[in-house]
């Protein structure tokens, strides 16, 4: 379903679009649609802490696979921005 929504949002025809031909631009559209459709900004604004990262990870992945690595990377990225 996400693929079809991404293709339609991009103004393409799902019946005539090869999924393998989509670029990073469409991956970003899909991710933004998923993020916005689940109002994850409201959760993200709680802060960059383990609880918030865990909550968002569960929404996106349905579980916590890779969570420890994700927490380390996100905290590293935010330290670079500070």
N, C-alpha and C. Protein backbone atom coordinates (compact mmCIF):
# COMPACT_ATOMS: atom_id res chain seq x y z
N UNK A 1 0.82 -1.19 0.00
CA UNK A 1 0.00 0.00 0.00
C UNK A 1 0.86 1.26 0.00
N UNK A 2 1.95 1.28 0.79
CA UNK A 2 2.77 2.48 0.86
C UNK A 2 3.35 2.83 -0.51
N UNK A 3 3.71 1.79 -1.27
CA UNK A 3 4.27 2.03 -2.58
C UNK A 3 3.25 2.73 -3.47
N UNK A 4 2.01 2.27 -3.48
CA UNK A 4 0.99 2.87 -4.32
C UNK A 4 0.74 4.33 -3.93
N UNK A 5 0.68 4.60 -2.63
CA UNK A 5 0.45 5.97 -2.17
C UNK A 5 1.62 6.86 -2.59
N UNK A 6 2.83 6.36 -2.47
CA UNK A 6 4.00 7.12 -2.87
C UNK A 6 3.94 7.44 -4.36
N UNK A 7 3.63 6.46 -5.16
CA UNK A 7 3.57 6.66 -6.61
C UNK A 7 2.47 7.66 -6.96
N UNK A 8 1.32 7.54 -6.37
CA UNK A 8 0.20 8.46 -6.65
C UNK A 8 0.56 9.86 -6.18
N UNK A 9 1.15 9.98 -4.97
CA UNK A 9 1.55 11.28 -4.45
C UNK A 9 2.56 11.96 -5.37
N UNK A 10 3.41 11.17 -5.98
CA UNK A 10 4.42 11.71 -6.90
C UNK A 10 3.83 12.02 -8.28
N UNK A 11 2.54 11.73 -8.46
CA UNK A 11 1.90 12.03 -9.73
C UNK A 11 2.16 10.99 -10.81
N UNK A 12 2.52 9.77 -10.39
CA UNK A 12 2.79 8.70 -11.35
C UNK A 12 1.63 7.72 -11.39
N UNK A 13 1.61 6.88 -12.39
CA UNK A 13 0.58 5.86 -12.55
C UNK A 13 1.09 4.54 -11.98
N UNK A 14 0.47 4.01 -10.91
CA UNK A 14 0.95 2.77 -10.30
C UNK A 14 0.99 1.59 -11.26
N UNK A 15 0.05 1.55 -12.20
CA UNK A 15 -0.01 0.42 -13.13
C UNK A 15 1.15 0.42 -14.11
N UNK A 16 1.74 1.59 -14.32
CA UNK A 16 2.80 1.70 -15.32
C UNK A 16 4.14 2.15 -14.72
N UNK A 17 4.31 1.94 -13.42
CA UNK A 17 5.55 2.35 -12.76
C UNK A 17 6.22 1.13 -12.13
N UNK A 18 7.44 0.89 -12.53
CA UNK A 18 8.22 -0.21 -11.98
C UNK A 18 8.74 0.19 -10.60
N UNK A 19 8.43 -0.57 -9.54
CA UNK A 19 8.89 -0.20 -8.20
C UNK A 19 10.41 -0.04 -8.11
N UNK A 20 11.14 -0.78 -8.90
CA UNK A 20 12.59 -0.72 -8.85
C UNK A 20 13.14 0.55 -9.50
N UNK A 21 12.28 1.26 -10.24
CA UNK A 21 12.75 2.47 -10.92
C UNK A 21 12.65 3.71 -10.03
N UNK A 22 12.03 3.57 -8.88
CA UNK A 22 11.85 4.73 -8.02
C UNK A 22 13.17 5.13 -7.36
N UNK A 23 13.38 6.40 -7.21
CA UNK A 23 14.63 6.93 -6.69
C UNK A 23 14.51 7.28 -5.21
N UNK A 24 15.59 7.78 -4.66
CA UNK A 24 15.59 8.21 -3.27
C UNK A 24 14.55 9.30 -3.02
N UNK A 25 14.26 10.10 -4.04
CA UNK A 25 13.24 11.13 -3.90
C UNK A 25 11.91 10.51 -3.48
N UNK A 26 11.54 9.41 -4.10
CA UNK A 26 10.28 8.76 -3.79
C UNK A 26 10.35 8.03 -2.45
N UNK A 27 11.52 7.55 -2.10
CA UNK A 27 11.69 6.94 -0.78
C UNK A 27 11.44 7.99 0.29
N UNK A 28 11.91 9.20 0.06
CA UNK A 28 11.70 10.29 1.01
C UNK A 28 10.22 10.66 1.09
N UNK A 29 9.55 10.71 -0.04
CA UNK A 29 8.11 11.00 -0.06
C UNK A 29 7.37 9.94 0.76
N UNK A 30 7.71 8.69 0.55
CA UNK A 30 7.06 7.60 1.26
C UNK A 30 7.30 7.70 2.77
N UNK A 31 8.55 7.97 3.15
CA UNK A 31 8.88 8.08 4.57
C UNK A 31 8.15 9.26 5.21
N UNK A 32 8.10 10.38 4.50
CA UNK A 32 7.40 11.56 5.03
C UNK A 32 5.91 11.30 5.17
N UNK A 33 5.33 10.59 4.19
CA UNK A 33 3.91 10.25 4.27
C UNK A 33 3.64 9.36 5.48
N UNK A 34 4.48 8.36 5.69
CA UNK A 34 4.32 7.45 6.82
C UNK A 34 4.47 8.20 8.13
N UNK A 35 5.51 9.02 8.24
CA UNK A 35 5.79 9.79 9.46
C UNK A 35 4.62 10.74 9.77
N UNK A 36 4.19 11.49 8.76
CA UNK A 36 3.10 12.45 8.96
C UNK A 36 1.78 11.79 9.25
N UNK A 37 1.52 10.68 8.59
CA UNK A 37 0.26 9.97 8.79
C UNK A 37 0.11 9.37 10.17
N UNK A 38 1.21 9.22 10.87
CA UNK A 38 1.19 8.68 12.23
C UNK A 38 1.52 9.75 13.26
N UNK A 39 1.56 11.01 12.81
CA UNK A 39 1.80 12.17 13.69
C UNK A 39 3.04 11.96 14.56
N UNK A 40 4.11 11.45 13.96
CA UNK A 40 5.31 11.16 14.74
C UNK A 40 6.07 12.41 15.19
N UNK A 41 5.79 13.57 14.57
CA UNK A 41 6.41 14.79 15.06
C UNK A 41 6.02 15.06 16.50
N UNK A 42 4.76 14.82 16.84
CA UNK A 42 4.31 15.05 18.21
C UNK A 42 5.11 14.20 19.19
N UNK A 43 5.41 12.98 18.81
CA UNK A 43 6.22 12.10 19.66
C UNK A 43 7.67 12.56 19.68
N UNK A 44 8.20 12.91 18.52
CA UNK A 44 9.60 13.32 18.42
C UNK A 44 9.89 14.59 19.22
N UNK A 45 8.92 15.48 19.31
CA UNK A 45 9.12 16.72 20.06
C UNK A 45 9.28 16.48 21.56
N UNK A 46 9.02 15.27 22.02
CA UNK A 46 9.20 14.95 23.44
C UNK A 46 10.68 14.99 23.82
N UNK A 47 11.56 14.84 22.85
CA UNK A 47 12.98 14.91 23.12
C UNK A 47 13.72 13.71 22.58
N UNK A 48 15.02 13.86 22.54
CA UNK A 48 15.86 12.77 22.05
C UNK A 48 16.37 12.01 23.26
N UNK A 49 15.56 11.09 23.69
CA UNK A 49 15.94 10.22 24.80
C UNK A 49 15.56 8.79 24.43
N UNK A 50 16.00 7.86 25.24
CA UNK A 50 15.78 6.44 24.94
C UNK A 50 14.30 6.11 24.82
N UNK A 51 13.47 6.68 25.67
CA UNK A 51 12.03 6.38 25.64
C UNK A 51 11.39 6.85 24.33
N UNK A 52 11.74 8.05 23.89
CA UNK A 52 11.17 8.59 22.66
C UNK A 52 11.64 7.80 21.44
N UNK A 53 12.93 7.51 21.38
CA UNK A 53 13.47 6.73 20.26
C UNK A 53 12.83 5.35 20.22
N UNK A 54 12.64 4.75 21.37
CA UNK A 54 12.00 3.43 21.45
C UNK A 54 10.57 3.49 20.95
N UNK A 55 9.83 4.50 21.37
CA UNK A 55 8.42 4.63 20.97
C UNK A 55 8.30 4.80 19.45
N UNK A 56 9.12 5.66 18.88
CA UNK A 56 9.06 5.88 17.43
C UNK A 56 9.50 4.63 16.68
N UNK A 57 10.53 3.95 17.18
CA UNK A 57 11.00 2.72 16.55
C UNK A 57 9.90 1.67 16.52
N UNK A 58 9.14 1.55 17.59
CA UNK A 58 8.05 0.56 17.62
C UNK A 58 6.97 0.89 16.60
N UNK A 59 6.69 2.18 16.41
CA UNK A 59 5.69 2.56 15.41
C UNK A 59 6.19 2.23 14.01
N UNK A 60 7.43 2.56 13.73
CA UNK A 60 7.97 2.37 12.38
C UNK A 60 8.26 0.90 12.09
N UNK A 61 8.90 0.21 13.03
CA UNK A 61 9.35 -1.16 12.78
C UNK A 61 8.43 -2.23 13.35
N UNK A 62 7.52 -1.84 14.21
CA UNK A 62 6.64 -2.83 14.84
C UNK A 62 7.32 -3.57 15.99
N UNK A 63 8.51 -3.16 16.34
CA UNK A 63 9.26 -3.80 17.42
C UNK A 63 10.52 -3.02 17.70
N UNK A 64 11.48 -3.67 18.34
CA UNK A 64 12.69 -2.97 18.74
C UNK A 64 13.96 -3.54 18.11
N UNK A 65 13.84 -4.22 17.00
CA UNK A 65 15.00 -4.78 16.33
C UNK A 65 15.97 -3.65 15.93
N UNK A 66 17.22 -3.77 16.34
CA UNK A 66 18.22 -2.77 16.01
C UNK A 66 18.16 -1.51 16.86
N UNK A 67 17.39 -1.55 17.93
CA UNK A 67 17.16 -0.35 18.74
C UNK A 67 18.45 0.20 19.35
N UNK A 68 19.29 -0.64 19.92
CA UNK A 68 20.50 -0.15 20.58
C UNK A 68 21.38 0.64 19.61
N UNK A 69 21.57 0.10 18.41
CA UNK A 69 22.36 0.79 17.39
C UNK A 69 21.69 2.11 17.00
N UNK A 70 20.39 2.10 16.85
CA UNK A 70 19.64 3.31 16.47
C UNK A 70 19.79 4.40 17.52
N UNK A 71 19.71 4.02 18.80
CA UNK A 71 19.84 5.00 19.88
C UNK A 71 21.22 5.65 19.82
N UNK A 72 22.26 4.84 19.67
CA UNK A 72 23.63 5.38 19.60
C UNK A 72 23.78 6.34 18.43
N UNK A 73 23.29 5.95 17.26
CA UNK A 73 23.43 6.79 16.07
C UNK A 73 22.64 8.08 16.18
N UNK A 74 21.42 8.01 16.65
CA UNK A 74 20.60 9.22 16.77
C UNK A 74 21.22 10.18 17.76
N UNK A 75 21.68 9.67 18.89
CA UNK A 75 22.31 10.55 19.88
C UNK A 75 23.59 11.17 19.32
N UNK A 76 24.33 10.40 18.53
CA UNK A 76 25.56 10.93 17.90
C UNK A 76 25.21 12.05 16.93
N UNK A 77 24.17 11.85 16.09
CA UNK A 77 23.76 12.86 15.12
C UNK A 77 23.32 14.13 15.83
N UNK A 78 22.57 14.00 16.90
CA UNK A 78 22.10 15.19 17.60
C UNK A 78 23.24 15.90 18.33
N UNK A 79 24.23 15.16 18.79
CA UNK A 79 25.41 15.78 19.40
C UNK A 79 26.16 16.63 18.34
N UNK A 80 26.19 16.14 17.11
CA UNK A 80 26.85 16.89 16.03
C UNK A 80 26.11 18.19 15.73
N UNK A 81 24.80 18.19 15.90
CA UNK A 81 23.99 19.37 15.62
C UNK A 81 24.05 20.41 16.74
N UNK A 82 24.43 19.96 17.92
CA UNK A 82 24.43 20.87 19.09
C UNK A 82 25.59 21.83 19.07
